[in-house]
PDB file of N, CA and C in Angstrom:
ATOM      1  N   UNK A   1      22.582  -6.184  -1.316  1.00  0.00           N
ATOM      2  CA  UNK A   1      22.437  -4.647  -0.918  1.00  0.00           C
ATOM      3  C   UNK A   1      21.114  -4.998   0.173  1.00  0.00           C
ATOM      4  N   UNK A   2      21.380  -4.396   1.141  1.00  0.00           N
ATOM      5  CA  UNK A   2      20.642  -4.074   2.642  1.00  0.00           C
ATOM      6  C   UNK A   2      19.304  -3.278   2.133  1.00  0.00           C
ATOM      7  N   UNK A   3      18.081  -3.972   2.317  1.00  0.00           N
ATOM      8  CA  UNK A   3      16.812  -2.981   2.526  1.00  0.00           C
ATOM      9  C   UNK A   3      17.067  -2.009   3.874  1.00  0.00           C
ATOM     10  N   UNK A   4      16.384  -1.200   3.476  1.00  0.00           N
ATOM     11  CA  UNK A   4      16.194  -0.051   4.370  1.00  0.00           C
ATOM     12  C   UNK A   4      14.902  -0.347   5.025  1.00  0.00           C
ATOM     13  N   UNK A   5      15.356  -0.074   6.515  1.00  0.00           N
ATOM     14  CA  UNK A   5      14.164  -0.768   7.396  1.00  0.00           C
ATOM     15  C   UNK A   5      13.957   1.074   8.800  1.00  0.00           C
ATOM     16  N   UNK A   6      13.080   1.162   8.806  1.00  0.00           N
ATOM     17  CA  UNK A   6      11.489   0.377   8.361  1.00  0.00           C
ATOM     18  C   UNK A   6      11.193   0.747   6.788  1.00  0.00           C
ATOM     19  N   UNK A   7      10.471   0.185   6.210  1.00  0.00           N
ATOM     20  CA  UNK A   7       9.977   0.274   4.688  1.00  0.00           C
ATOM     21  C   UNK A   7       8.740   1.722   4.688  1.00  0.00           C
ATOM     22  N   UNK A   8       8.394   1.958   3.729  1.00  0.00           N
ATOM     23  CA  UNK A   8       7.179   2.607   3.631  1.00  0.00           C
ATOM     24  C   UNK A   8       6.022   1.864   4.025  1.00  0.00           C
ATOM     25  N   UNK A   9       5.001   2.647   4.507  1.00  0.00           N
ATOM     26  CA  UNK A   9       3.801   2.411   5.070  1.00  0.00           C
ATOM     27  C   UNK A   9       4.435   1.369   6.468  1.00  0.00           C
ATOM     28  N   UNK A  10       5.831   0.814   7.154  1.00  0.00           N
ATOM     29  CA  UNK A  10       5.329  -0.108   8.277  1.00  0.00           C
ATOM     30  C   UNK A  10       6.006   1.191   9.240  1.00  0.00           C
ATOM     31  N   UNK A  11       5.981   0.894  10.636  1.00  0.00           N
ATOM     32  CA  UNK A  11       6.486   1.641  11.666  1.00  0.00           C
ATOM     33  C   UNK A  11       5.760   1.398  12.475  1.00  0.00           C
ATOM     34  N   UNK A  12       6.014   2.276  13.108  1.00  0.00           N
ATOM     35  CA  UNK A  12       4.759   3.172  14.528  1.00  0.00           C
ATOM     36  C   UNK A  12       3.808   4.286  13.834  1.00  0.00           C
ATOM     37  N   UNK A  13       4.253   4.909  12.795  1.00  0.00           N
ATOM     38  CA  UNK A  13       3.070   5.891  12.540  1.00  0.00           C
ATOM     39  C   UNK A  13       2.572   5.520  11.514  1.00  0.00           C
ATOM     40  N   UNK A  14       2.698   4.243  10.651  1.00  0.00           N
ATOM     41  CA  UNK A  14       1.613   3.492   9.920  1.00  0.00           C
ATOM     42  C   UNK A  14       0.744   3.017  10.464  1.00  0.00           C
ATOM     43  N   UNK A  15       0.430   2.453  11.742  1.00  0.00           N
ATOM     44  CA  UNK A  15      -1.135   2.494  12.666  1.00  0.00           C
ATOM     45  C   UNK A  15      -1.710   3.876  12.820  1.00  0.00           C
ATOM     46  N   UNK A  16      -0.881   4.689  12.741  1.00  0.00           N
ATOM     47  CA  UNK A  16      -1.974   5.727  13.139  1.00  0.00           C
ATOM     48  C   UNK A  16      -2.445   7.280  12.370  1.00  0.00           C
ATOM     49  N   UNK A  17      -1.762   6.912  11.260  1.00  0.00           N
ATOM     50  CA  UNK A  17      -1.617   8.204   9.788  1.00  0.00           C
ATOM     51  C   UNK A  17      -2.826   7.438   9.087  1.00  0.00           C
ATOM     52  N   UNK A  18      -3.437   8.310   8.364  1.00  0.00           N
ATOM     53  CA  UNK A  18      -4.715   8.133   7.415  1.00  0.00           C
ATOM     54  C   UNK A  18      -3.766   7.822   5.945  1.00  0.00           C
ATOM     55  N   UNK A  19      -4.343   6.736   5.328  1.00  0.00           N
ATOM     56  CA  UNK A  19      -3.472   6.990   4.117  1.00  0.00           C
ATOM     57  C   UNK A  19      -3.845   7.765   3.155  1.00  0.00           C
ATOM     58  N   UNK A  20      -5.261   8.265   3.518  1.00  0.00           N
ATOM     59  CA  UNK A  20      -5.642   9.542   2.110  1.00  0.00           C
ATOM     60  C   UNK A  20      -6.628  10.370   3.319  1.00  0.00           C
ATOM     61  N   UNK A  21      -6.672  11.561   2.855  1.00  0.00           N
ATOM     62  CA  UNK A  21      -7.023  12.312   3.621  1.00  0.00           C
ATOM     63  C   UNK A  21      -8.274  12.381   4.203  1.00  0.00           C
ATOM     64  N   UNK A  22      -9.270  13.019   4.750  1.00  0.00           N
ATOM     65  CA  UNK A  22     -10.711  12.699   4.652  1.00  0.00           C
ATOM     66  C   UNK A  22     -11.120  13.507   4.242  1.00  0.00           C
ATOM     67  N   UNK A  23     -12.614  12.914   3.505  1.00  0.00           N
ATOM     68  CA  UNK A  23     -13.474  13.323   2.932  1.00  0.00           C
ATOM     69  C   UNK A  23     -13.870  14.862   2.817  1.00  0.00           C
ATOM     70  N   UNK A  24     -14.079  16.111   2.012  1.00  0.00           N
ATOM     71  CA  UNK A  24     -14.123  17.360   2.654  1.00  0.00           C
ATOM     72  C   UNK A  24     -15.057  17.430   3.521  1.00  0.00           C
ATOM     73  N   UNK A  25     -16.592  16.603   3.352  1.00  0.00           N
ATOM     74  CA  UNK A  25     -17.532  16.862   4.181  1.00  0.00           C
ATOM     75  C   UNK A  25     -17.178  16.319   5.742  1.00  0.00           C
ATOM     76  N   UNK A  26     -16.358  15.592   5.444  1.00  0.00           N
ATOM     77  CA  UNK A  26     -15.928  15.502   7.516  1.00  0.00           C
ATOM     78  C   UNK A  26     -15.311  16.340   7.655  1.00  0.00           C
ATOM     79  N   UNK A  27     -14.164  17.020   6.805  1.00  0.00           N
ATOM     80  CA  UNK A  27     -13.359  18.046   6.840  1.00  0.00           C
ATOM     81  C   UNK A  27     -14.263  19.312   7.428  1.00  0.00           C
ATOM     82  N   UNK A  28     -15.091  19.818   6.460  1.00  0.00           N
ATOM     83  CA  UNK A  28     -16.175  20.655   7.108  1.00  0.00           C
ATOM     84  C   UNK A  28     -16.450  20.769   8.397  1.00  0.00           C
ATOM     85  N   UNK A  29     -17.576  19.473   8.816  1.00  0.00           N
ATOM     86  CA  UNK A  29     -17.762  19.153   9.634  1.00  0.00           C
ATOM     87  C   UNK A  29     -17.001  19.203  11.329  1.00  0.00           C
ATOM     88  N   UNK A  30     -15.755  18.566  10.682  1.00  0.00           N
ATOM     89  CA  UNK A  30     -14.899  18.129  11.786  1.00  0.00           C
ATOM     90  C   UNK A  30     -14.279  20.376  12.542  1.00  0.00           C
ATOM     91  N   UNK A  31     -14.375  20.870  11.241  1.00  0.00           N
ATOM     92  CA  UNK A  31     -13.700  22.575  11.265  1.00  0.00           C
ATOM     93  C   UNK A  31     -15.107  23.507  11.970  1.00  0.00           C
ATOM     94  N   UNK A  32     -16.247  22.517  11.619  1.00  0.00           N
ATOM     95  CA  UNK A  32     -17.137  23.785  12.099  1.00  0.00           C
ATOM     96  C   UNK A  32     -17.834  23.153  13.343  1.00  0.00           C
ATOM     97  N   UNK A  33     -17.137  22.463  13.881  1.00  0.00           N
ATOM     98  CA  UNK A  33     -17.465  21.380  15.329  1.00  0.00           C
ATOM     99  C   UNK A  33     -16.558  21.840  16.061  1.00  0.00           C
ATOM    100  N   UNK A  34     -15.415  22.363  15.850  1.00  0.00           N
ATOM    101  CA  UNK A  34     -14.101  22.426  16.341  1.00  0.00           C
ATOM    102  C   UNK A  34     -14.191  22.680  18.379  1.00  0.00           C
ATOM    103  N   UNK A  35     -14.503  23.434  17.897  1.00  0.00           N
ATOM    104  CA  UNK A  35     -15.461  24.409  20.193  1.00  0.00           C
ATOM    105  C   UNK A  35     -16.256  23.045  20.506  1.00  0.00           C
ATOM    106  N   UNK A  36     -17.346  22.345  19.648  1.00  0.00           N
ATOM    107  CA  UNK A  36     -17.716  21.817  20.649  1.00  0.00           C
ATOM    108  C   UNK A  36     -17.240  20.223  20.901  1.00  0.00           C
ATOM    109  N   UNK A  37     -16.406  19.663  20.179  1.00  0.00           N
ATOM    110  CA  UNK A  37     -15.046  18.556  20.059  1.00  0.00           C
ATOM    111  C   UNK A  37     -14.580  18.498  21.169  1.00  0.00           C
ATOM    112  N   UNK A  38     -14.102  20.192  21.285  1.00  0.00           N
ATOM    113  CA  UNK A  38     -12.883  20.722  22.321  1.00  0.00           C
ATOM    114  C   UNK A  38     -13.509  19.934  23.379  1.00  0.00           C
ATOM    115  N   UNK A  39     -14.770  20.174  23.895  1.00  0.00           N
ATOM    116  CA  UNK A  39     -14.992  20.340  25.214  1.00  0.00           C
ATOM    117  C   UNK A  39     -15.230  18.712  25.522  1.00  0.00           C
ATOM    118  N   UNK A  40     -15.457  17.585  24.472  1.00  0.00           N
ATOM    119  CA  UNK A  40     -16.150  16.622  24.763  1.00  0.00           C
ATOM    120  C   UNK A  40     -14.597  15.723  24.737  1.00  0.00           C
ATOM    121  N   UNK A  41     -13.539  15.802  23.800  1.00  0.00           N
ATOM    122  CA  UNK A  41     -12.459  15.338  23.756  1.00  0.00           C
ATOM    123  C   UNK A  41     -10.958  14.799  24.393  1.00  0.00           C
ATOM    124  N   UNK A  42     -11.459  15.860  25.721  1.00  0.00           N
ATOM    125  CA  UNK A  42     -10.537  16.190  26.558  1.00  0.00           C
ATOM    126  C   UNK A  42     -10.662  14.317  27.889  1.00  0.00           C
ATOM    127  N   UNK A  43     -11.869  14.495  27.823  1.00  0.00           N
ATOM    128  CA  UNK A  43     -11.849  13.060  28.696  1.00  0.00           C
ATOM    129  C   UNK A  43     -11.690  11.904  27.342  1.00  0.00           C
ATOM    130  N   UNK A  44     -11.942  11.959  26.302  1.00  0.00           N
ATOM    131  CA  UNK A  44     -11.708  11.429  25.667  1.00  0.00           C
ATOM    132  C   UNK A  44     -10.481  10.987  25.028  1.00  0.00           C
ATOM    133  N   UNK A  45      -9.439  11.801  25.299  1.00  0.00           N
ATOM    134  CA  UNK A  45      -7.852  11.979  24.879  1.00  0.00           C
ATOM    135  C   UNK A  45      -7.222  10.568  25.123  1.00  0.00           C
ATOM    136  N   UNK A  46      -7.081  10.339  26.790  1.00  0.00           N
ATOM    137  CA  UNK A  46      -6.209   9.926  27.313  1.00  0.00           C
ATOM    138  C   UNK A  46      -6.781   8.294  26.247  1.00  0.00           C
ATOM    139  N   UNK A  47      -7.911   8.030  26.500  1.00  0.00           N
ATOM    140  CA  UNK A  47      -7.966   6.665  25.970  1.00  0.00           C
ATOM    141  C   UNK A  47      -8.121   6.171  24.854  1.00  0.00           C
ATOM    142  N   UNK A  48      -8.001   7.033  23.855  1.00  0.00           N
ATOM    143  CA  UNK A  48      -7.486   7.217  22.192  1.00  0.00           C
ATOM    144  C   UNK A  48      -5.965   7.151  22.268  1.00  0.00           C
ATOM    145  N   UNK A  49      -5.091   8.453  22.866  1.00  0.00           N
ATOM    146  CA  UNK A  49      -3.685   7.817  23.131  1.00  0.00           C
ATOM    147  C   UNK A  49      -3.611   6.397  23.127  1.00  0.00           C
ATOM    148  N   UNK A  50      -3.805   5.763  24.264  1.00  0.00           N
ATOM    149  CA  UNK A  50      -3.164   4.323  24.416  1.00  0.00           C
ATOM    150  C   UNK A  50      -3.922   3.584  23.271  1.00  0.00           C
ATOM    151  N   UNK A  51      -5.332   3.595  22.263  1.00  0.00           N
ATOM    152  CA  UNK A  51      -5.650   3.042  21.560  1.00  0.00           C
ATOM    153  C   UNK A  51      -4.537   3.109  20.305  1.00  0.00           C
ATOM    154  N   UNK A  52      -4.739   3.904  20.161  1.00  0.00           N
ATOM    155  CA  UNK A  52      -3.110   4.758  18.905  1.00  0.00           C
ATOM    156  C   UNK A  52      -1.784   4.072  18.576  1.00  0.00           C
ATOM    157  N   UNK A  53      -1.583   3.814  20.487  1.00  0.00           N
ATOM    158  CA  UNK A  53      -0.278   3.681  21.223  1.00  0.00           C
ATOM    159  C   UNK A  53      -0.574   1.606  20.651  1.00  0.00           C
ATOM    160  N   UNK A  54      -1.585   1.447  20.851  1.00  0.00           N
ATOM    161  CA  UNK A  54      -1.448   0.174  21.186  1.00  0.00           C
ATOM    162  C   UNK A  54      -1.828  -0.771  19.484  1.00  0.00           C
ATOM    163  N   UNK A  55      -2.196   0.052  18.999  1.00  0.00           N
ATOM    164  CA  UNK A  55      -2.228   0.100  17.428  1.00  0.00           C
ATOM    165  C   UNK A  55      -0.763  -0.111  16.953  1.00  0.00           C
ATOM    166  N   UNK A  56      -0.109   1.325  16.974  1.00  0.00           N
ATOM    167  CA  UNK A  56       1.551   1.604  16.620  1.00  0.00           C
ATOM    168  C   UNK A  56       2.195   0.126  17.062  1.00  0.00           C
ATOM    169  N   UNK A  57       1.943  -0.218  18.429  1.00  0.00           N
ATOM    170  CA  UNK A  57       2.493  -1.733  18.509  1.00  0.00           C
ATOM    171  C   UNK A  57       2.743  -2.874  18.092  1.00  0.00           C
ATOM    172  N   UNK A  58       1.063  -2.815  17.805  1.00  0.00           N
ATOM    173  CA  UNK A  58       0.684  -3.958  16.838  1.00  0.00           C
ATOM    174  C   UNK A  58       1.119  -3.982  15.820  1.00  0.00           C
ATOM    175  N   UNK A  59       1.323  -2.929  14.832  1.00  0.00           N
ATOM    176  CA  UNK A  59       1.873  -2.587  13.769  1.00  0.00           C
ATOM    177  C   UNK A  59       3.330  -3.306  13.527  1.00  0.00           C
ATOM    178  N   UNK A  60       4.159  -2.168  14.166  1.00  0.00           N
ATOM    179  CA  UNK A  60       5.206  -2.736  14.324  1.00  0.00           C
ATOM    180  C   UNK A  60       5.956  -4.041  14.798  1.00  0.00           C
ATOM    181  N   UNK A  61       4.895  -4.609  15.473  1.00  0.00           N
ATOM    182  CA  UNK A  61       5.305  -6.309  15.933  1.00  0.00           C
ATOM    183  C   UNK A  61       5.376  -6.918  14.221  1.00  0.00           C
ATOM    184  N   UNK A  62       4.001  -6.446  13.825  1.00  0.00           N
ATOM    185  CA  UNK A  62       3.870  -7.539  12.768  1.00  0.00           C
ATOM    186  C   UNK A  62       4.710  -7.110  11.570  1.00  0.00           C
ATOM    187  N   UNK A  63       5.550  -5.997  11.868  1.00  0.00           N
ATOM    188  CA  UNK A  63       6.880  -4.958  10.774  1.00  0.00           C
ATOM    189  C   UNK A  63       8.168  -5.953  11.367  1.00  0.00           C
ATOM    190  N   UNK A  64       8.011  -6.157  12.349  1.00  0.00           N
ATOM    191  CA  UNK A  64       9.200  -6.763  12.662  1.00  0.00           C
ATOM    192  C   UNK A  64       8.983  -8.340  12.164  1.00  0.00           C
ATOM    193  N   UNK A  65       8.005  -9.268  12.734  1.00  0.00           N
ATOM    194  CA  UNK A  65       7.676 -10.283  12.029  1.00  0.00           C
ATOM    195  C   UNK A  65       7.933 -10.152  10.866  1.00  0.00           C
ATOM    196  N   UNK A  66       7.228  -9.567  10.021  1.00  0.00           N
ATOM    197  CA  UNK A  66       7.965  -9.954   8.264  1.00  0.00           C
ATOM    198  C   UNK A  66       8.864  -9.687   8.042  1.00  0.00           C
ATOM    199  N   UNK A  67       9.487  -8.669   8.518  1.00  0.00           N
ATOM    200  CA  UNK A  67      11.127  -8.569   8.228  1.00  0.00           C
ATOM    201  C   UNK A  67      11.823  -9.508   7.955  1.00  0.00           C
ATOM    202  N   UNK A  68      11.661 -10.073   9.591  1.00  0.00           N
ATOM    203  CA  UNK A  68      12.344 -11.560  10.676  1.00  0.00           C
ATOM    204  C   UNK A  68      12.318 -12.839   9.174  1.00  0.00           C
ATOM    205  N   UNK A  69      11.031 -12.830   9.025  1.00  0.00           N
ATOM    206  CA  UNK A  69      10.501 -14.125   7.956  1.00  0.00           C
ATOM    207  C   UNK A  69      11.400 -13.505   6.793  1.00  0.00           C
ATOM    208  N   UNK A  70      11.022 -12.373   5.809  1.00  0.00           N
ATOM    209  CA  UNK A  70      12.063 -12.343   4.867  1.00  0.00           C
ATOM    210  C   UNK A  70      13.791 -12.176   5.036  1.00  0.00           C
ATOM    211  N   UNK A  71      14.076 -12.172   6.112  1.00  0.00           N
ATOM    212  CA  UNK A  71      15.266 -12.438   6.710  1.00  0.00           C
ATOM    213  C   UNK A  71      15.869 -13.827   6.211  1.00  0.00           C
ATOM    214  N   UNK A  72      15.129 -15.048   7.589  1.00  0.00           N
ATOM    215  CA  UNK A  72      15.019 -16.070   7.072  1.00  0.00           C
ATOM    216  C   UNK A  72      14.753 -16.724   5.993  1.00  0.00           C
ATOM    217  N   UNK A  73      14.052 -16.767   5.226  1.00  0.00           N
ATOM    218  CA  UNK A  73      13.462 -17.107   4.704  1.00  0.00           C
ATOM    219  C   UNK A  73      14.275 -17.297   2.806  1.00  0.00           C
ATOM    220  N   UNK A  74      14.341 -15.785   2.449  1.00  0.00           N
ATOM    221  CA  UNK A  74      14.674 -15.148   1.236  1.00  0.00           C
ATOM    222  C   UNK A  74      15.713 -14.179   1.475  1.00  0.00           C
ATOM    223  N   UNK A  75      16.391 -14.198   2.941  1.00  0.00           N
ATOM    224  CA  UNK A  75      17.978 -13.739   2.805  1.00  0.00           C
ATOM    225  C   UNK A  75      17.745 -12.460   2.604  1.00  0.00           C
ATOM    226  N   UNK A  76      16.369 -11.637   2.757  1.00  0.00           N
ATOM    227  CA  UNK A  76      16.317 -10.406   2.152  1.00  0.00           C
ATOM    228  C   UNK A  76      16.546  -9.669   3.411  1.00  0.00           C
ATOM    229  N   UNK A  77      17.396  -8.622   3.324  1.00  0.00           N
ATOM    230  CA  UNK A  77      17.257  -7.406   4.531  1.00  0.00           C
ATOM    231  C   UNK A  77      18.803  -7.484   5.377  1.00  0.00           C
ATOM    232  N   UNK A  78      18.531  -7.108   6.477  1.00  0.00           N
ATOM    233  CA  UNK A  78      20.005  -6.311   7.077  1.00  0.00           C
ATOM    234  C   UNK A  78      19.577  -6.768   8.233  1.00  0.00           C
ATOM    235  N   UNK A  79      20.364  -7.399   8.779  1.00  0.00           N
ATOM    236  CA  UNK A  79      20.793  -7.658  10.216  1.00  0.00           C
ATOM    237  C   UNK A  79      20.626  -7.471  11.153  1.00  0.00           C
ATOM    238  N   UNK A  80      21.582  -6.165  11.540  1.00  0.00           N
ATOM    239  CA  UNK A  80      22.170  -4.785  12.127  1.00  0.00           C
ATOM    240  C   UNK A  80      20.582  -4.205  12.094  1.00  0.00           C
ATOM    241  N   UNK A  81      20.129  -3.909  10.845  1.00  0.00           N
ATOM    242  CA  UNK A  81      18.771  -3.137  10.541  1.00  0.00           C
ATOM    243  C   UNK A  81      17.517  -3.740  11.915  1.00  0.00           C
ATOM    244  N   UNK A  82      17.411  -4.792  11.422  1.00  0.00           N
ATOM    245  CA  UNK A  82      16.277  -5.745  12.305  1.00  0.00           C
ATOM    246  C   UNK A  82      17.027  -5.373  13.994  1.00  0.00           C
ATOM    247  N   UNK A  83      18.259  -5.978  13.935  1.00  0.00           N
ATOM    248  CA  UNK A  83      18.021  -5.829  15.786  1.00  0.00           C
ATOM    249  C   UNK A  83      18.121  -4.767  16.370  1.00  0.00           C
ATOM    250  N   UNK A  84      18.460  -3.653  15.627  1.00  0.00           N
ATOM    251  CA  UNK A  84      18.181  -2.267  15.921  1.00  0.00           C
ATOM    252  C   UNK A  84      17.021  -1.964  16.037  1.00  0.00           C
ATOM    253  N   UNK A  85      16.361  -2.365  14.609  1.00  0.00           N
ATOM    254  CA  UNK A  85      14.516  -2.045  15.276  1.00  0.00           C
ATOM    255  C   UNK A  85      13.965  -2.711  16.721  1.00  0.00           C
ATOM    256  N   UNK A  86      14.236  -4.087  17.314  1.00  0.00           N
ATOM    257  CA  UNK A  86      13.942  -5.033  17.678  1.00  0.00           C
ATOM    258  C   UNK A  86      14.232  -4.157  19.022  1.00  0.00           C
ATOM    259  N   UNK A  87      15.331  -3.916  19.404  1.00  0.00           N
ATOM    260  CA  UNK A  87      16.138  -2.799  20.634  1.00  0.00           C
ATOM    261  C   UNK A  87      15.047  -2.017  20.271  1.00  0.00           C
ATOM    262  N   UNK A  88      14.955  -0.975  19.289  1.00  0.00           N
ATOM    263  CA  UNK A  88      14.333  -0.096  20.018  1.00  0.00           C
ATOM    264  C   UNK A  88      12.965  -0.317  20.137  1.00  0.00           C
ATOM    265  N   UNK A  89      11.977  -1.637  19.400  1.00  0.00           N
ATOM    266  CA  UNK A  89      10.778  -1.842  20.144  1.00  0.00           C
ATOM    267  C   UNK A  89      10.545  -2.084  21.119  1.00  0.00           C
ATOM    268  N   UNK A  90      11.733  -2.797  21.830  1.00  0.00           N
ATOM    269  CA  UNK A  90      11.755  -3.276  23.255  1.00  0.00           C
ATOM    270  C   UNK A  90      11.864  -2.223  24.464  1.00  0.00           C
ATOM    271  N   UNK A  91      12.462  -1.450  23.717  1.00  0.00           N
ATOM    272  CA  UNK A  91      12.925  -0.006  24.527  1.00  0.00           C
ATOM    273  C   UNK A  91      11.573   0.660  24.693  1.00  0.00           C
ATOM    274  N   UNK A  92      10.705   0.744  23.995  1.00  0.00           N
ATOM    275  CA  UNK A  92       9.590   1.520  23.708  1.00  0.00           C
ATOM    276  C   UNK A  92       8.612   1.065  24.604  1.00  0.00           C
ATOM    277  N   UNK A  93       8.516  -0.417  24.070  1.00  0.00           N
ATOM    278  CA  UNK A  93       7.145  -1.408  25.439  1.00  0.00           C
ATOM    279  C   UNK A  93       7.718  -1.353  26.708  1.00  0.00           C
ATOM    280  N   UNK A  94       9.032  -1.153  26.943  1.00  0.00           N
ATOM    281  CA  UNK A  94       9.284  -1.091  28.470  1.00  0.00           C
ATOM    282  C   UNK A  94       8.734   0.063  29.138  1.00  0.00           C
ATOM    283  N   UNK A  95       8.826   1.119  28.404  1.00  0.00           N
ATOM    284  CA  UNK A  95       8.693   2.794  28.797  1.00  0.00           C
ATOM    285  C   UNK A  95       6.667   2.359  28.775  1.00  0.00           C
ATOM    286  N   UNK A  96       6.345   1.711  27.995  1.00  0.00           N
ATOM    287  CA  UNK A  96       4.910   1.621  27.874  1.00  0.00           C
ATOM    288  C   UNK A  96       4.118   1.118  28.889  1.00  0.00           C
ATOM    289  N   UNK A  97       4.985  -0.144  29.148  1.00  0.00           N
ATOM    290  CA  UNK A  97       4.524  -0.800  30.390  1.00  0.00           C
ATOM    291  C   UNK A  97       4.354   0.091  31.773  1.00  0.00           C
ATOM    292  N   UNK A  98       5.719   0.244  31.568  1.00  0.00           N
ATOM    293  CA  UNK A  98       5.881   1.442  33.226  1.00  0.00           C
ATOM    294  C   UNK A  98       5.003   2.455  33.487  1.00  0.00           C
ATOM    295  N   UNK A  99       4.633   3.250  32.372  1.00  0.00           N
ATOM    296  CA  UNK A  99       3.691   4.385  31.741  1.00  0.00           C
ATOM    297  C   UNK A  99       2.336   3.454  31.945  1.00  0.00           C
ATOM    298  N   UNK A 100       1.885   2.764  31.817  1.00  0.00           N
ATOM    299  CA  UNK A 100       0.424   2.059  32.019  1.00  0.00           C
ATOM    300  C   UNK A 100       0.686   1.524  33.554  1.00  0.00           C
ATOM    301  N   UNK A 101       1.604   0.962  34.227  1.00  0.00           N
ATOM    302  CA  UNK A 101       1.679   0.576  35.765  1.00  0.00           C
ATOM    303  C   UNK A 101       1.324   2.097  36.130  1.00  0.00           C
ATOM    304  N   UNK A 102       2.051   2.817  36.181  1.00  0.00           N
ATOM    305  CA  UNK A 102       2.295   4.085  36.869  1.00  0.00           C
ATOM    306  C   UNK A 102       0.955   5.131  36.429  1.00  0.00           C
ATOM    307  N   UNK A 103      -0.112   4.524  35.562  1.00  0.00           N
ATOM    308  CA  UNK A 103      -0.837   5.762  35.319  1.00  0.00           C
ATOM    309  C   UNK A 103      -2.471   4.716  35.114  1.00  0.00           C
ATOM    310  N   UNK A 104      -2.571   4.321  34.453  1.00  0.00           N
ATOM    311  CA  UNK A 104      -4.650   4.485  34.669  1.00  0.00           C
ATOM    312  C   UNK A 104      -4.788   3.107  34.816  1.00  0.00           C
ATOM    313  N   UNK A 105      -3.622   2.314  35.362  1.00  0.00           N
ATOM    314  CA  UNK A 105      -3.701   0.874  35.548  1.00  0.00           C
ATOM    315  C   UNK A 105      -3.579   0.935  37.436  1.00  0.00           C
ATOM    316  N   UNK A 106      -3.289   2.147  37.786  1.00  0.00           N
ATOM    317  CA  UNK A 106      -2.629   1.941  38.994  1.00  0.00           C
ATOM    318  C   UNK A 106      -4.530   3.197  39.882  1.00  0.00           C
ATOM    319  N   UNK A 107      -5.136   3.827  38.956  1.00  0.00           N
ATOM    320  CA  UNK A 107      -6.345   4.311  38.964  1.00  0.00           C
ATOM    321  C   UNK A 107      -7.185   4.172  39.093  1.00  0.00           C
ATOM    322  N   UNK A 108      -7.341   2.424  39.187  1.00  0.00           N
ATOM    323  CA  UNK A 108      -8.584   1.828  39.497  1.00  0.00           C
ATOM    324  C   UNK A 108      -8.798   1.037  40.491  1.00  0.00           C
TER     325      UNK A 108
END
């Protein structure tokens, strides 16, 4: 029986989504200073987006590696699903590299 991919806790969203909600004090502080944070976050947001995207790429690579190792050693998993995940990842990665070349690397 084939295992579904990506598994729970894997994939691109696993890198950027918190596992648990923030503590109430942190949520209140964030809500209270939303107007102040909005002014400063505009300059930081592009770099944070790149940071989160790179974390997501790293997490997906680790997930693909784990799935490939399980498939090779335990014969667990679906080759077709893994191949589709790899094709999707390569496509996203190519677009990401093109965006980096056209975007922030050309401005330096």
